[in-house]
Protein backbone atom coordinates (compact mmCIF):
# COMPACT_ATOMS: atom_id res chain seq x y z
CA MET A 1 109.90 151.15 129.96
CA SER A 2 109.54 147.72 131.56
CA VAL A 3 111.79 145.19 133.28
CA THR A 4 112.83 142.30 131.04
CA MET A 5 114.86 139.23 131.89
CA HIS A 6 117.84 140.97 130.27
CA GLU A 7 117.70 143.60 133.05
CA ILE A 8 117.01 140.98 135.73
CA LEU A 9 120.22 139.14 134.85
CA LYS A 10 122.17 142.31 135.67
CA LEU A 11 120.97 142.34 139.29
CA PRO A 12 123.66 141.59 141.93
CA ALA A 13 121.71 138.65 143.37
CA LEU A 14 121.86 136.87 140.00
CA LYS A 15 125.57 137.39 139.48
CA GLY A 16 127.01 134.23 137.98
CA ALA A 17 123.66 132.88 136.74
CA LYS A 18 123.94 131.29 133.31
CA VAL A 19 121.38 130.92 130.53
CA ILE A 20 121.15 127.19 129.81
CA ALA A 21 118.15 127.21 127.44
CA GLY A 22 115.36 129.39 126.08
CA ALA A 23 117.39 132.54 125.42
CA ALA A 24 114.53 133.86 123.26
CA ALA A 25 112.58 134.47 126.48
CA LEU A 26 115.12 137.03 127.73
CA ASP A 27 113.09 139.78 126.03
CA LYS A 28 109.97 138.93 128.04
CA ILE A 29 108.70 141.34 130.68
CA VAL A 30 108.93 140.26 134.31
CA GLY A 31 106.14 141.20 136.71
CA SER A 32 106.42 138.71 139.54
CA VAL A 33 108.35 135.81 141.09
CA SER A 34 107.11 132.53 142.57
CA VAL A 35 108.61 129.41 144.09
CA LEU A 36 107.89 125.91 142.79
CA GLU A 37 107.74 124.02 146.06
CA TYR A 38 105.66 120.99 144.99
CA SER A 39 107.26 119.60 141.84
CA GLN A 40 105.90 116.05 141.80
CA PRO A 41 103.77 115.88 138.60
CA THR A 42 100.78 114.23 140.29
CA MET A 43 97.04 114.88 140.43
CA VAL A 44 97.69 117.08 143.47
CA GLN A 45 100.09 119.28 141.53
CA ASN A 46 97.69 119.37 138.59
CA GLU A 47 94.89 120.52 140.90
CA ILE A 48 97.12 123.24 142.36
CA LEU A 49 98.25 124.51 138.95
CA GLN A 50 94.68 124.61 137.62
CA HIS A 51 93.68 127.09 140.32
CA ILE A 52 96.59 129.47 139.82
CA ASN A 53 96.02 132.47 137.57
CA PHE A 54 99.16 132.94 135.51
CA ASN A 55 99.84 136.38 134.04
CA HIS A 56 102.60 135.41 131.57
CA ASP A 57 105.12 137.60 133.40
CA GLU A 58 106.34 135.32 136.16
CA ILE A 59 109.72 133.70 136.75
CA VAL A 60 109.85 130.58 138.92
CA LEU A 61 112.51 129.65 141.48
CA THR A 62 113.07 125.98 142.27
CA ALA A 63 115.67 123.38 143.18
CA PHE A 64 113.60 120.39 141.96
CA ALA A 65 114.33 118.93 145.40
CA SER A 66 111.52 116.37 145.37
CA ILE A 67 112.40 115.14 141.85
CA LYS A 68 116.15 115.62 141.85
CA ASN A 69 116.78 112.27 140.12
CA ASP A 70 113.59 112.07 138.04
CA ILE A 71 114.40 113.59 134.64
CA THR A 72 110.93 112.79 133.23
CA ALA A 73 109.27 114.70 136.08
CA GLN A 74 111.61 117.67 135.58
CA CYS A 75 110.68 117.80 131.89
CA ARG A 76 107.00 117.47 132.71
CA ASN A 77 107.20 120.45 135.08
CA ILE A 78 108.78 122.57 132.38
CA GLU A 79 106.03 121.57 129.93
CA LEU A 80 103.28 122.41 132.44
CA LEU A 81 104.78 125.77 133.40
CA ALA A 82 105.45 126.72 129.77
CA THR A 83 101.86 125.85 128.84
CA ALA A 84 100.61 127.98 131.73
CA GLY A 85 102.58 130.95 130.41
CA GLU A 86 105.49 131.17 132.84
CA ILE A 87 108.65 132.83 131.51
CA GLY A 88 111.12 130.31 132.86
CA ILE A 89 112.89 128.73 135.81
CA ILE A 90 115.84 129.87 137.89
CA LEU A 91 117.37 126.62 139.09
CA PHE A 92 119.14 126.67 142.47
CA TYR A 93 121.68 124.36 144.13
CA VAL A 94 122.75 122.41 141.03
CA GLY A 95 125.47 120.00 142.13
CA LEU A 96 124.12 119.99 145.68
CA ILE A 97 120.53 118.84 145.09
CA VAL A 98 120.11 118.17 141.37
CA PRO A 99 123.40 116.48 140.42
CA THR A 100 123.47 117.99 136.94
CA ILE A 101 121.11 119.45 134.34
CA ASP A 102 120.20 116.61 132.01
CA PRO A 103 120.29 117.27 128.23
CA ARG A 104 116.62 116.16 128.02
CA VAL A 105 115.65 118.97 130.39
CA ILE A 106 117.55 121.48 128.26
CA ALA A 107 115.93 120.16 125.08
CA THR A 108 112.45 120.41 126.61
CA ALA A 109 113.05 124.02 127.64
CA GLU A 110 114.35 124.92 124.17
CA GLN A 111 111.37 123.25 122.52
CA HIS A 112 108.97 125.48 124.49
CA ASP A 113 111.09 128.69 124.36
CA PHE A 114 111.19 128.38 128.13
CA LEU A 115 114.02 130.20 129.88
CA LEU A 116 116.24 127.99 132.00
CA LEU A 117 118.71 129.87 134.23
CA CYS A 118 121.20 128.08 136.42
CA MET A 119 122.48 129.79 139.55
CA PRO A 120 126.18 129.21 140.37
CA LYS A 121 126.76 125.48 140.83
CA ASN A 122 127.82 123.90 144.12
CA GLU A 123 127.06 127.14 145.95
CA PRO A 124 125.11 126.67 149.22
CA ASN A 125 125.09 130.36 150.23
CA ILE A 126 122.74 131.68 147.53
CA THR A 127 119.17 132.21 148.73
CA TYR A 128 115.72 132.49 147.22
CA SER A 129 114.97 135.56 149.33
CA SER A 130 117.78 137.69 147.90
CA VAL A 131 116.71 136.95 144.33
CA ILE A 132 113.01 137.55 145.08
CA THR A 133 113.73 140.83 146.86
CA GLU A 134 115.89 142.30 144.10
CA ILE A 135 113.57 141.26 141.26
CA MET A 136 110.44 142.64 142.94
CA PHE A 137 112.25 145.84 143.95
CA ALA A 138 113.25 146.36 140.30
CA VAL A 139 109.68 145.73 139.16
CA PHE A 140 108.25 148.11 141.79
CA ASN A 141 110.68 150.91 140.89
CA ASP A 142 109.82 150.51 137.21
CA GLN A 143 106.09 150.77 137.93
CA VAL A 144 106.60 153.92 139.99
CA ALA A 145 108.78 155.50 137.32
CA ASN A 146 106.45 154.48 134.49
CA PRO A 147 102.80 154.79 135.66
CA ASN A 148 101.32 154.64 132.13
CA PHE A 149 100.72 150.90 131.96
CA ALA A 150 97.89 150.65 129.37
CA PRO A 151 100.11 150.06 126.28
CA LEU A 152 102.25 147.54 128.20
CA LEU A 153 99.28 145.43 129.35
CA ILE A 154 97.62 145.44 125.92
CA LYS A 155 100.90 144.41 124.29
CA LYS A 156 101.34 141.61 126.84
CA ILE A 157 97.84 140.22 126.22
CA SER A 158 98.37 140.42 122.45
CA THR A 159 101.29 137.98 122.76
CA MET A 160 99.25 135.44 124.74
CA PRO A 161 97.42 132.44 123.22
CA ASP A 162 94.09 133.27 121.59
CA TYR A 163 92.03 131.72 124.38
CA GLN A 164 93.57 134.15 126.89
CA GLN A 165 92.97 137.26 124.81
CA ASN A 166 89.77 138.29 126.57
CA MET A 167 88.37 140.73 129.08
CA ASP A 168 88.96 138.35 131.96
CA MET A 169 92.70 138.61 131.32
CA VAL A 170 92.47 142.39 130.83
CA LEU A 171 90.86 142.86 134.25
CA ARG A 172 93.24 140.37 135.85
CA LEU A 173 96.33 142.27 134.75
CA ILE A 174 94.85 145.63 135.76
CA SER A 175 93.87 144.21 139.16
CA ASP A 176 97.38 142.87 139.66
CA ARG A 177 98.88 146.22 138.68
CA ILE A 178 96.73 148.55 140.84
CA HIS A 179 95.95 146.09 143.68
CA ALA A 180 92.22 146.62 143.41
CA SER A 181 89.14 144.56 142.55
CA LEU A 182 87.30 145.23 139.29
CA ALA A 183 83.96 144.36 137.71
CA LEU A 184 82.73 144.95 134.18
CA LEU A 185 79.01 145.47 133.49
CA ASN A 186 77.31 145.15 130.11
CA ASP A 187 74.62 147.40 128.66
CA ARG A 188 71.95 145.59 130.72
CA ASP A 189 73.80 146.42 133.94
CA LYS A 190 74.74 142.76 134.40
CA VAL A 191 78.09 141.90 135.95
CA VAL A 192 79.84 139.81 133.28
CA VAL A 193 83.55 139.83 134.23
CA THR A 194 85.18 140.25 137.65
CA GLN A 195 88.65 140.11 139.15
CA ASN A 196 89.22 140.41 142.88
CA TRP A 197 92.28 141.60 144.73
CA PRO A 198 93.62 139.52 146.28
CA GLN A 199 92.25 136.58 144.31
CA THR A 200 91.06 134.92 147.52
CA ASN A 201 88.83 137.93 148.23
CA HIS A 202 85.10 137.19 147.91
CA LEU A 203 83.09 140.24 146.89
CA ASN A 204 79.35 140.34 146.31
CA TRP A 205 79.37 142.73 143.36
CA THR A 206 75.61 142.63 142.99
CA LYS A 207 75.15 143.74 146.60
CA LEU A 208 77.82 146.45 146.26
CA ARG A 209 76.07 147.70 143.13
CA GLN A 210 72.70 147.79 144.91
CA LEU A 211 74.15 149.72 147.84
CA MET A 212 75.72 152.20 145.45
CA ASN A 213 72.42 152.83 143.66
CA ARG A 214 70.47 153.52 146.84
CA LYS A 215 69.83 157.16 147.64
CA ARG A 216 72.20 158.67 150.19
CA GLN A 217 74.23 155.47 150.23
CA THR A 218 77.92 155.99 149.50
CA ILE A 219 80.79 153.51 149.40
CA PRO A 220 84.04 155.48 149.55
CA ASP A 221 86.16 152.60 148.22
CA LEU A 222 83.92 151.89 145.19
CA ILE A 223 84.24 153.95 142.00
CA GLN A 224 82.09 153.60 138.87
CA PHE A 225 83.16 154.67 135.37
CA ASP A 226 80.95 154.83 132.29
CA LEU A 227 82.68 153.40 129.23
CA ASP A 228 82.20 154.26 125.57
CA LYS A 229 81.82 150.65 124.40
CA ALA A 230 78.19 149.49 124.27
CA LYS A 231 77.18 151.52 127.34
CA SER A 232 79.21 149.25 129.60
CA LYS A 233 80.51 150.23 133.04
CA LEU A 234 83.66 149.58 135.04
CA LEU A 235 83.63 149.28 138.84
CA ILE A 236 86.85 149.55 140.83
CA TYR A 237 86.93 148.64 144.52
CA LYS A 238 90.14 149.40 146.41
CA GLU A 239 90.04 148.50 150.09
CA GLN A 240 93.46 149.80 151.13
CA GLY A 241 94.85 153.17 150.12
CA ASN A 242 93.70 155.57 147.44
CA LEU A 243 93.74 154.99 143.69
CA ASN A 244 95.45 157.99 142.15
CA HIS A 245 94.13 159.79 139.10
CA ILE A 246 96.76 158.36 136.72
CA ALA A 247 96.00 154.78 137.77
CA GLN A 248 92.27 155.40 137.24
CA GLU A 249 92.86 156.81 133.76
CA GLN A 250 95.18 153.95 132.80
CA ALA A 251 92.71 151.34 134.04
CA ILE A 252 89.90 152.90 132.00
CA GLU A 253 92.10 153.22 128.91
CA THR A 254 93.20 149.59 129.16
CA VAL A 255 89.60 148.41 129.48
CA GLN A 256 88.47 150.58 126.57
CA ILE A 257 91.20 149.21 124.28
CA GLY A 258 90.51 145.68 125.50
CA LEU A 259 86.81 146.03 124.71
CA ASN A 260 87.60 147.24 121.19
CA LEU A 261 89.93 144.31 120.59
CA TRP A 262 88.39 141.41 122.48
CA GLY A 263 85.24 142.53 124.19
CA ASP A 264 81.77 141.49 123.16
CA LEU A 265 80.02 141.25 126.50
CA ASN A 266 76.74 139.94 125.08
CA THR A 267 77.85 136.97 122.95
CA THR A 268 77.39 133.27 123.58
CA PRO A 269 80.68 131.62 124.62
CA ASN A 270 82.49 129.31 122.20
CA LEU A 271 82.44 126.12 124.21
CA ALA A 272 84.23 124.22 121.44
CA ASP A 273 87.47 125.77 122.73
CA LEU A 274 86.82 124.36 126.20
CA LEU A 275 86.05 120.89 124.82
CA GLU A 276 89.24 120.96 122.75
CA ALA A 277 91.28 121.98 125.80
CA ILE A 278 89.86 119.02 127.74
CA ILE A 279 90.57 116.51 124.96
CA GLN A 280 94.03 117.94 124.24
CA ASN A 281 94.90 117.75 127.97
CA GLU A 282 95.62 121.44 128.50
CA PRO A 283 94.75 121.99 132.20
CA GLN A 284 95.53 125.70 132.36
CA LYS A 285 93.54 126.42 129.22
CA GLN A 286 90.64 124.38 130.64
CA PHE A 287 90.68 126.43 133.82
CA GLU A 288 90.91 129.76 131.99
CA LEU A 289 88.04 128.98 129.61
CA ALA A 290 85.82 127.41 132.26
CA LYS A 291 86.22 130.54 134.37
CA GLN A 292 85.60 132.81 131.39
CA TYR A 293 82.44 130.91 130.40
CA GLN A 294 81.35 130.45 134.05
CA ILE A 295 81.26 126.64 133.81
CA ASP A 296 82.04 124.49 136.83
CA LEU A 297 84.12 121.59 135.45
CA LYS A 298 83.09 119.47 138.44
CA GLN A 299 79.54 119.49 137.05
CA LEU A 300 80.65 117.58 133.96
CA THR A 301 80.20 114.17 135.57
CA SER A 302 78.46 112.34 132.72
CA LEU A 303 78.88 112.37 128.96
CA LEU A 304 77.16 111.16 125.82
CA ILE A 305 79.41 110.87 122.74
CA ILE A 306 77.47 110.72 119.47
CA ASN A 307 79.56 109.39 116.59
CA ASN A 308 78.61 110.30 113.03
CA SER A 309 80.17 107.38 111.18
CA ASP A 310 79.01 108.74 107.79
CA GLN A 311 81.10 111.83 108.57
CA SER A 312 78.32 114.07 107.30
CA ILE A 313 80.18 117.22 108.29
CA GLY A 314 77.87 119.37 106.18
CA ARG A 315 74.92 118.22 108.28
CA ILE A 316 76.61 118.38 111.68
CA THR A 317 75.14 121.80 112.57
CA GLN A 318 71.59 120.59 111.96
CA ILE A 319 72.29 117.30 113.76
CA LYS A 320 73.64 119.25 116.74
CA THR A 321 70.50 121.40 116.87
CA ASP A 322 68.28 118.33 116.71
CA MET A 323 70.31 116.51 119.37
CA VAL A 324 69.89 119.46 121.72
CA GLN A 325 66.12 119.29 121.22
CA ILE A 326 66.07 115.54 121.87
CA ALA A 327 68.24 115.95 124.98
CA ALA A 328 65.81 118.52 126.38
CA SER A 329 63.37 115.68 127.06
CA PHE A 330 65.84 113.95 129.37
CA THR A 331 67.90 116.68 131.06
CA ALA A 332 67.13 120.31 131.82
CA THR A 333 70.48 121.88 130.94
CA ILE A 334 73.24 120.65 128.67
CA PHE A 335 76.63 121.62 127.30
CA CYS A 336 76.74 120.33 123.71
CA GLU A 337 79.68 120.78 121.34
CA THR A 338 81.33 119.14 118.35
CA TYR A 339 84.83 117.72 118.09
CA GLY A 340 85.72 116.26 114.70
CA ASN A 341 82.73 114.27 113.50
CA GLU A 342 81.44 113.65 117.02
CA LEU A 343 79.04 115.44 119.32
CA PHE A 344 79.76 115.66 123.05
CA ILE A 345 76.75 116.19 125.28
CA PHE A 346 77.29 116.85 128.99
CA PRO A 347 74.13 116.79 131.12
CA LEU A 348 74.71 119.48 133.74
CA ILE A 349 71.76 117.97 135.58
CA PRO A 350 72.66 114.25 135.74
CA VAL A 351 70.36 111.70 134.12
CA SER A 352 68.80 109.93 137.07
CA ASP A 353 68.60 106.28 136.02
CA PHE A 354 69.52 103.65 133.46
CA GLN A 355 66.05 103.64 131.92
CA SER A 356 66.30 107.35 131.11
CA TRP A 357 69.71 106.86 129.47
CA ASP A 358 68.30 103.96 127.48
CA ARG A 359 65.30 105.96 126.26
CA TRP A 360 67.54 108.90 125.36
CA GLN A 361 69.93 106.76 123.33
CA LYS A 362 67.02 104.97 121.63
CA ALA A 363 65.62 108.37 120.62
CA ILE A 364 68.97 109.26 119.05
CA SER A 365 69.04 105.93 117.23
CA GLN A 366 65.52 106.47 115.92
CA TYR A 367 66.47 109.96 114.72
CA GLY A 368 69.41 108.48 112.79
CA HIS A 369 67.20 105.89 111.08
CA GLU A 370 64.53 108.46 110.19
CA HIS A 371 67.05 110.93 108.73
CA GLY A 372 69.34 108.44 107.03
CA VAL A 373 72.34 109.26 109.25
CA ALA A 374 74.50 106.53 110.77
CA LEU A 375 74.69 107.67 114.40
CA THR A 376 76.06 105.70 117.33
CA SER A 377 76.09 106.92 120.92
CA THR A 378 78.13 105.93 123.96
CA ARG A 379 77.34 106.98 127.51
CA PHE A 380 79.84 107.57 130.31
CA VAL A 381 79.06 108.30 133.96
CA SER A 382 81.04 109.19 137.11
CA LEU A 383 83.67 111.18 135.21
CA ALA A 384 84.22 113.85 137.92
CA GLN A 385 87.25 115.55 136.32
CA PRO A 386 88.52 116.64 132.86
CA ALA A 387 91.18 113.90 132.79
CA LYS A 388 88.43 111.26 132.90
CA ILE A 389 86.53 113.04 130.12
CA ARG A 390 89.63 112.84 127.95
CA ALA A 391 90.06 109.17 128.90
CA ALA A 392 86.43 108.54 127.88
CA TYR A 393 87.06 110.17 124.49
CA ILE A 394 90.19 108.06 123.91
CA LYS A 395 88.41 104.87 125.00
CA ASN A 396 85.52 105.56 122.63
CA ARG A 397 87.87 106.49 119.77
CA ASP A 398 90.02 103.39 120.16
CA THR A 399 87.36 100.81 121.03
CA LEU A 400 84.11 101.82 119.30
CA ALA A 401 84.95 100.04 116.02
CA ILE A 402 85.53 96.63 117.64
CA THR A 403 82.53 97.16 119.92
CA LYS A 404 80.33 97.54 116.84
CA ILE A 405 81.76 94.30 115.43
CA ILE A 406 80.91 92.43 118.62
CA PHE A 407 77.45 94.05 118.85
CA PRO A 408 76.49 94.47 115.16
CA HIS A 409 72.78 94.85 115.91
CA LYS A 410 73.28 97.80 118.30
CA ASP A 411 73.99 101.45 117.64
CA TYR A 412 74.10 102.72 121.21
CA PHE A 413 76.47 101.60 123.94
CA SER A 414 77.62 102.08 127.51
CA GLU A 415 81.16 102.41 128.79
CA GLN A 416 80.88 98.81 130.02
CA ASP A 417 80.29 97.66 126.42
CA LEU A 418 83.61 99.27 125.44
CA ILE A 419 85.39 97.69 128.40
CA PHE A 420 84.00 94.27 127.44
CA ALA A 421 85.06 94.73 123.80
CA HIS A 422 88.56 95.73 124.91
CA SER A 423 88.82 92.58 127.05
CA CYS A 424 87.85 90.47 124.01
CA GLN A 425 90.53 92.19 121.92
CA GLN A 426 93.11 91.50 124.62
CA LEU A 427 92.10 87.83 124.64
CA ILE A 428 92.96 87.62 120.93
CA ASN A 429 96.49 88.78 121.77
CA ARG A 430 97.00 85.76 124.02
CA ASP A 431 98.81 82.72 122.63
CA ASP A 432 96.11 80.30 123.74
CA TYR A 433 93.08 82.12 122.31
CA LYS A 434 92.72 79.72 119.33
CA SER A 435 92.53 76.67 121.55
CA ARG A 436 89.96 78.41 123.76
CA LEU A 437 87.93 79.55 120.77
CA TYR A 438 87.88 75.98 119.44
CA LYS A 439 85.23 75.19 122.06
CA LEU A 440 82.74 77.44 120.24
CA GLU A 441 83.89 76.56 116.74
CA GLN A 442 82.96 72.92 117.40
CA LEU A 443 79.32 73.84 118.00
CA SER A 444 76.78 73.32 115.21
CA ALA A 445 75.87 76.40 113.19
CA ASP A 446 72.38 76.60 114.74
CA LEU A 447 73.68 76.36 118.31
CA LEU A 448 76.43 78.88 117.63
CA LYS A 449 74.01 81.39 116.08
CA THR A 450 71.70 80.97 119.06
CA LEU A 451 74.53 81.42 121.57
CA LEU A 452 75.81 84.59 119.87
CA ALA A 453 72.35 86.15 119.63
CA PHE A 454 71.29 85.12 123.14
CA CYS A 455 74.49 86.35 124.86
CA LEU A 456 75.49 89.41 122.85
CA ASP A 457 72.35 90.77 121.21
CA ALA A 458 69.24 89.81 123.13
CA LYS A 459 70.50 90.20 126.71
CA GLU A 460 69.49 86.60 127.47
CA ASN A 461 65.91 87.25 126.38
CA VAL A 462 64.37 84.22 124.63
CA GLU A 463 61.71 86.23 122.80
CA GLN A 464 64.27 88.70 121.43
CA THR A 465 66.59 85.87 120.38
CA ALA A 466 63.74 84.15 118.53
CA LYS A 467 62.78 87.39 116.79
CA GLN A 468 66.35 88.02 115.62
CA LEU A 469 66.83 84.45 114.32
CA TYR A 470 63.29 84.19 112.82
CA ILE A 471 62.52 81.02 114.77
CA HIS A 472 59.97 80.00 117.37
CA PRO A 473 60.76 80.78 121.06
CA ASN A 474 60.40 77.08 121.89
CA THR A 475 63.18 76.35 119.41
CA VAL A 476 65.38 78.86 121.24
CA LYS A 477 64.61 77.20 124.57
CA TYR A 478 65.45 73.78 123.13
CA ARG A 479 68.79 75.05 121.80
CA ILE A 480 69.64 76.82 125.06
CA ASN A 481 69.02 73.60 127.01
CA LYS A 482 71.27 71.77 124.58
CA LEU A 483 73.98 74.42 125.03
CA ASN A 484 73.64 74.15 128.82
CA ASN A 485 74.28 70.42 128.64
CA GLN A 486 77.31 70.82 126.38
CA LEU A 487 78.81 73.66 128.45
CA GLY A 488 78.14 71.99 131.79
CA PHE A 489 76.31 74.99 133.33
CA ARG A 490 73.26 77.16 132.70
CA LEU A 491 74.02 79.82 130.08
CA GLY A 492 73.74 83.20 131.74
CA LEU A 493 74.85 82.02 135.18
CA MET A 494 77.74 84.13 136.52
CA PRO A 495 80.66 83.90 136.86
CA GLU A 496 80.67 80.67 134.83
CA SER A 497 79.21 82.34 131.73
CA PHE A 498 81.64 85.27 131.55
CA ALA A 499 84.30 83.27 129.69
CA ILE A 500 81.66 82.14 127.16
CA TYR A 501 80.53 85.74 126.66
CA GLN A 502 84.15 86.74 126.01
CA LEU A 503 84.65 83.88 123.58
CA ALA A 504 81.46 84.89 121.78
CA GLY A 505 82.90 88.40 121.40
CA VAL A 506 86.22 86.99 120.20
CA PHE A 507 84.41 84.79 117.69
CA ARG A 508 82.74 87.82 116.12
CA LEU A 509 86.02 89.75 116.03
CA VAL A 510 87.68 86.85 114.24
CA HIS A 511 84.86 85.49 112.04
CA GLY A 512 82.27 88.28 111.93
CA ASP A 513 78.55 87.81 112.51
CA LEU A 514 76.89 84.58 111.40
CA VAL A 515 74.03 85.36 109.02
C-alpha cells in the first residue's frame, strides 16, 4: 500500500481542486511536499535546484507570485521541475495572483506528463499549511501501517531515468524513509556511497569506522551489517531514536536488491553520461552524476575540445587513449570523454600558462600529422560552471568551420580565435561590407598575400611570413612598408589595425586563401 495522488485528491484540504493537466501522474506515489518560493528562472534558481536532491515523490505548492504575468517563466519552471523528477504542482490563488492558467502552461505540463492541479479559483482562505499537513499525515500513517518498504523503493527507482538508477539513489530513499544516515563499503572496506540525514549533516564516516574497529570502543548509534554482494558492508547511523528490527531488515533488503540490480562498487564511472548532461543542459542530471562520480563541477574551469574532422569513429578509442597520454605531460589529472566525433579534455589541475597550452596543442597537432588523422583543437579557459562549458561546445560547433577558413594554416585555436571569426562573419552580414572590403581588393596580389599571411598566419612575424610565402625577409619588410604607406598607419598598431585584421578575415571567408 502507498499513497498516490488519487488518494491525495480525496483529502478534505484539497476539496475542489481540479486536474488541469498531466492526469497520467495521478498514479504516482507521494512521499513529500515542498513549496516553490523562488520561481524566477535565473542563475540563482538554477543554483538552488542543482543542490536539491529530488526523490521523484514530491508534489510542489506554489502561486507563481513572482512570475504571475510571465508565461515563459511559468513554463520554464514546469520543465525544470519535471526534469528533476517532481510529480507536479498544486497551484494556489488563481484569479487572485495568477490571473488565469495560460494554455501554453497546460501544454507544457501535458508534454512532460507533469501533474497540474488548480486549487479553487478566487479563494483567499485556502492555505499551504492545511494542504501540507494533511498530505504528510496521510503519508506518515501509510508508512506506519505498511513498514515493508523494500519493494516500494525498488519499484520507484526502477521508474526513474537510467542515470538515477544507482546505489546513491537507493541509499537516499532509505535514508529519507528511516531518518538515518547510511554508508556503503566495498570489499576493500572503502566507503563508496553515503547519504546523511538530514542532508546538511556532515559525518566523517572514515573516523566513525575507525572508532568502531578499535577494541572496547562502541558507538551505540552506529550499526554495521555484512551484505552478501561482493563482501560489501552497510553502516547505519541514527542519532535520534531507535531503529526497529523491521526497518533494519527492510533497509538491508533494499540495499541487497539494489546491489543486484545496479551495484558494482568497484567499476570506473561512465563520465560520458556527465558530459552529455552538461551539453544537453540538464542541471539536475549533472548534479546527480557529479555527486555519484565524486566530481566537483567547479573544478572544470578549462577545456580542450579536440575535433576529429575525418570522423574516424573506429579509431576514436585509440585516439582517446593517446590523447590522455599526451595530456599527462601538461596536467596531472584529467577528465577525458567523447561526445560525437569530438574529445573533451578537462584539466582538473589548470594549465598554468599560455606557453604550456601552446605546447600541448602543438603536440596534438603533431600526433595528427604522424598518424594521418585530421585533428583540430580549441582551448577554453575561465569556464567556472556547466552552462559555460555548454556555451563553449556550441561556440566551437558553430564557429570552428569559418575559423579554419580564416586561419587555413592552423589546426589549433583559442576561444579568442573563434570570437574573431564570428566577428568577421557578422561583418559580412552588414550592408556596407562590400564597400569596406574594396579597400583590400584594390591591393596588388603580392601586397594582399603579404597582408593576409602577416596578419592572420604569422602573428606579425616577418621571418614566418617570408617562410610561408617563399620569399626573402627583406621582401616582406619592403611590402609591409608599402602597405603602411597605403593604409596610413603601421600595420600591427592597435586599435588602428583591428579593422584591417577583420577585413582580412572577411576576405578569406569570401574569396578563400590566395595561393
